[in-house]
C-alpha atoms as a PDB file:
ATOM      1  CA  UNK A   1     -10.642 -39.940 -42.674  1.00  0.00           C
ATOM      2  CA  UNK A   2     -14.051 -38.537 -43.690  1.00  0.00           C
ATOM      3  CA  UNK A   3     -15.104 -37.975 -40.069  1.00  0.00           C
ATOM      4  CA  UNK A   4     -11.804 -36.235 -39.337  1.00  0.00           C
ATOM      5  CA  UNK A   5     -12.247 -33.953 -42.369  1.00  0.00           C
ATOM      6  CA  UNK A   6     -15.853 -33.189 -41.388  1.00  0.00           C
ATOM      7  CA  UNK A   7     -14.803 -32.298 -37.840  1.00  0.00           C
ATOM      8  CA  UNK A   8     -11.981 -30.073 -39.105  1.00  0.00           C
ATOM      9  CA  UNK A   9     -14.331 -28.336 -41.524  1.00  0.00           C
ATOM     10  CA  UNK A  10     -16.983 -27.841 -38.837  1.00  0.00           C
ATOM     11  CA  UNK A  11     -14.419 -26.436 -36.408  1.00  0.00           C
ATOM     12  CA  UNK A  12     -13.120 -24.018 -39.045  1.00  0.00           C
ATOM     13  CA  UNK A  13     -16.668 -22.898 -39.893  1.00  0.00           C
ATOM     14  CA  UNK A  14     -17.415 -22.290 -36.198  1.00  0.00           C
ATOM     15  CA  UNK A  15     -14.310 -20.115 -35.886  1.00  0.00           C
ATOM     16  CA  UNK A  16     -15.314 -18.080 -38.954  1.00  0.00           C
ATOM     17  CA  UNK A  17     -18.767 -17.246 -37.541  1.00  0.00           C
ATOM     18  CA  UNK A  18     -17.283 -14.432 -35.483  1.00  0.00           C
ATOM     19  CA  UNK A  19     -16.235 -12.637 -38.681  1.00  0.00           C
ATOM     20  CA  UNK A  20     -19.620 -12.869 -40.385  1.00  0.00           C
ATOM     21  CA  UNK A  21     -21.658  -9.672 -39.901  1.00  0.00           C
ATOM     22  CA  UNK A  22     -25.026  -9.960 -38.222  1.00  0.00           C
ATOM     23  CA  UNK A  23     -27.740  -8.937 -40.656  1.00  0.00           C
ATOM     24  CA  UNK A  24     -30.962  -7.485 -39.337  1.00  0.00           C
ATOM     25  CA  UNK A  25     -33.555  -6.637 -41.950  1.00  0.00           C
ATOM     26  CA  UNK A  26     -36.099  -5.122 -39.579  1.00  0.00           C
ATOM     27  CA  UNK A  27     -34.880  -2.207 -37.512  1.00  0.00           C
ATOM     28  CA  UNK A  28     -36.851  -0.922 -34.574  1.00  0.00           C
ATOM     29  CA  UNK A  29     -37.665   2.762 -34.092  1.00  0.00           C
ATOM     30  CA  UNK A  30     -34.695   3.387 -31.827  1.00  0.00           C
ATOM     31  CA  UNK A  31     -32.266   1.966 -34.356  1.00  0.00           C
ATOM     32  CA  UNK A  32     -33.775   4.047 -37.143  1.00  0.00           C
ATOM     33  CA  UNK A  33     -33.623   7.258 -35.087  1.00  0.00           C
ATOM     34  CA  UNK A  34     -30.049   6.490 -34.037  1.00  0.00           C
ATOM     35  CA  UNK A  35     -29.110   6.015 -37.671  1.00  0.00           C
ATOM     36  CA  UNK A  36     -30.828   9.309 -38.572  1.00  0.00           C
ATOM     37  CA  UNK A  37     -28.850  11.084 -35.834  1.00  0.00           C
ATOM     38  CA  UNK A  38     -25.613   9.582 -37.109  1.00  0.00           C
ATOM     39  CA  UNK A  39     -26.402  10.631 -40.672  1.00  0.00           C
ATOM     40  CA  UNK A  40     -27.330  14.134 -39.517  1.00  0.00           C
ATOM     41  CA  UNK A  41     -24.185  14.533 -37.464  1.00  0.00           C
ATOM     42  CA  UNK A  42     -22.042  13.406 -40.375  1.00  0.00           C
ATOM     43  CA  UNK A  43     -23.797  15.774 -42.770  1.00  0.00           C
ATOM     44  CA  UNK A  44     -23.619  18.785 -40.432  1.00  0.00           C
ATOM     45  CA  UNK A  45     -19.917  18.291 -39.791  1.00  0.00           C
ATOM     46  CA  UNK A  46     -19.195  17.765 -43.490  1.00  0.00           C
ATOM     47  CA  UNK A  47     -20.935  21.067 -44.194  1.00  0.00           C
ATOM     48  CA  UNK A  48     -18.879  22.745 -41.462  1.00  0.00           C
ATOM     49  CA  UNK A  49     -15.601  21.399 -42.845  1.00  0.00           C
ATOM     50  CA  UNK A  50     -16.538  22.524 -46.350  1.00  0.00           C
ATOM     51  CA  UNK A  51     -17.263  26.036 -45.037  1.00  0.00           C
ATOM     52  CA  UNK A  52     -14.047  26.016 -43.019  1.00  0.00           C
ATOM     53  CA  UNK A  53     -12.072  25.254 -46.149  1.00  0.00           C
ATOM     54  CA  UNK A  54     -13.677  28.180 -47.961  1.00  0.00           C
ATOM     55  CA  UNK A  55     -14.006  30.826 -45.232  1.00  0.00           C
ATOM     56  CA  UNK A  56     -13.793  34.374 -46.521  1.00  0.00           C
ATOM     57  CA  UNK A  57     -11.582  37.265 -45.701  1.00  0.00           C
ATOM     58  CA  UNK A  58     -12.410  40.762 -46.902  1.00  0.00           C
ATOM     59  CA  UNK A  59     -10.269  43.853 -46.751  1.00  0.00           C
ATOM     60  CA  UNK A  60     -11.835  47.300 -47.005  1.00  0.00           C
ATOM     61  CA  UNK A  61     -10.489  50.802 -46.602  1.00  0.00           C
ATOM     62  CA  UNK A  62     -12.267  52.988 -44.055  1.00  0.00           C
ATOM     63  CA  UNK A  63     -10.767  56.446 -44.429  1.00  0.00           C
ATOM     64  CA  UNK A  64      -7.025  56.035 -43.837  1.00  0.00           C
ATOM     65  CA  UNK A  65      -7.432  52.694 -42.078  1.00  0.00           C
ATOM     66  CA  UNK A  66      -7.539  49.242 -43.650  1.00  0.00           C
ATOM     67  CA  UNK A  67     -10.165  47.029 -42.036  1.00  0.00           C
ATOM     68  CA  UNK A  68      -9.798  43.278 -42.301  1.00  0.00           C
ATOM     69  CA  UNK A  69     -12.875  41.222 -41.679  1.00  0.00           C
ATOM     70  CA  UNK A  70     -12.597  37.454 -41.294  1.00  0.00           C
ATOM     71  CA  UNK A  71     -15.776  35.394 -41.331  1.00  0.00           C
ATOM     72  CA  UNK A  72     -15.256  31.901 -40.092  1.00  0.00           C
ATOM     73  CA  UNK A  73     -18.003  29.300 -39.742  1.00  0.00           C
ATOM     74  CA  UNK A  74     -19.293  28.463 -36.310  1.00  0.00           C
ATOM     75  CA  UNK A  75     -18.930  24.898 -35.126  1.00  0.00           C
ATOM     76  CA  UNK A  76     -22.227  23.032 -35.233  1.00  0.00           C
ATOM     77  CA  UNK A  77     -23.892  22.164 -31.971  1.00  0.00           C
ATOM     78  CA  UNK A  78     -26.583  19.805 -30.827  1.00  0.00           C
ATOM     79  CA  UNK A  79     -29.370  22.001 -32.202  1.00  0.00           C
ATOM     80  CA  UNK A  80     -28.008  21.896 -35.751  1.00  0.00           C
ATOM     81  CA  UNK A  81     -27.587  18.115 -35.582  1.00  0.00           C
ATOM     82  CA  UNK A  82     -31.129  17.637 -34.262  1.00  0.00           C
ATOM     83  CA  UNK A  83     -32.579  19.932 -36.945  1.00  0.00           C
ATOM     84  CA  UNK A  84     -30.788  17.952 -39.641  1.00  0.00           C
ATOM     85  CA  UNK A  85     -31.925  14.665 -38.074  1.00  0.00           C
ATOM     86  CA  UNK A  86     -35.537  15.870 -38.069  1.00  0.00           C
ATOM     87  CA  UNK A  87     -35.243  16.738 -41.762  1.00  0.00           C
ATOM     88  CA  UNK A  88     -33.811  13.290 -42.563  1.00  0.00           C
ATOM     89  CA  UNK A  89     -36.491  11.583 -40.479  1.00  0.00           C
ATOM     90  CA  UNK A  90     -39.282  13.637 -42.087  1.00  0.00           C
ATOM     91  CA  UNK A  91     -37.932  12.772 -45.529  1.00  0.00           C
ATOM     92  CA  UNK A  92     -37.899   9.059 -44.728  1.00  0.00           C
ATOM     93  CA  UNK A  93     -41.406   9.162 -43.251  1.00  0.00           C
ATOM     94  CA  UNK A  94     -42.997  11.098 -46.129  1.00  0.00           C
ATOM     95  CA  UNK A  95     -41.363   8.975 -48.820  1.00  0.00           C
ATOM     96  CA  UNK A  96     -42.151   5.698 -47.029  1.00  0.00           C
ATOM     97  CA  UNK A  97     -45.874   6.511 -47.067  1.00  0.00           C
ATOM     98  CA  UNK A  98     -45.984   7.060 -50.854  1.00  0.00           C
END
């Protein structure tokens, strides 16, 4: 009975291994830069969505005509994401050296 229990337990533990996350404590440079890009992209798009929710509309009177001006945010592109990633990466590098 003990051998049967041990085998059952071992089989169950082997099946559960697929659900256990792989932990890597040392990331290489590519993984760090990829994570910085992901963080930057998330931040840039969060900023865009915040601006989209608060875009402004102004109405002015020009003589006898009412002029409506709508200022909507522009969607971020690759350049904005890369700029944000460089800022994140510079922050990590300067604070890691201290």
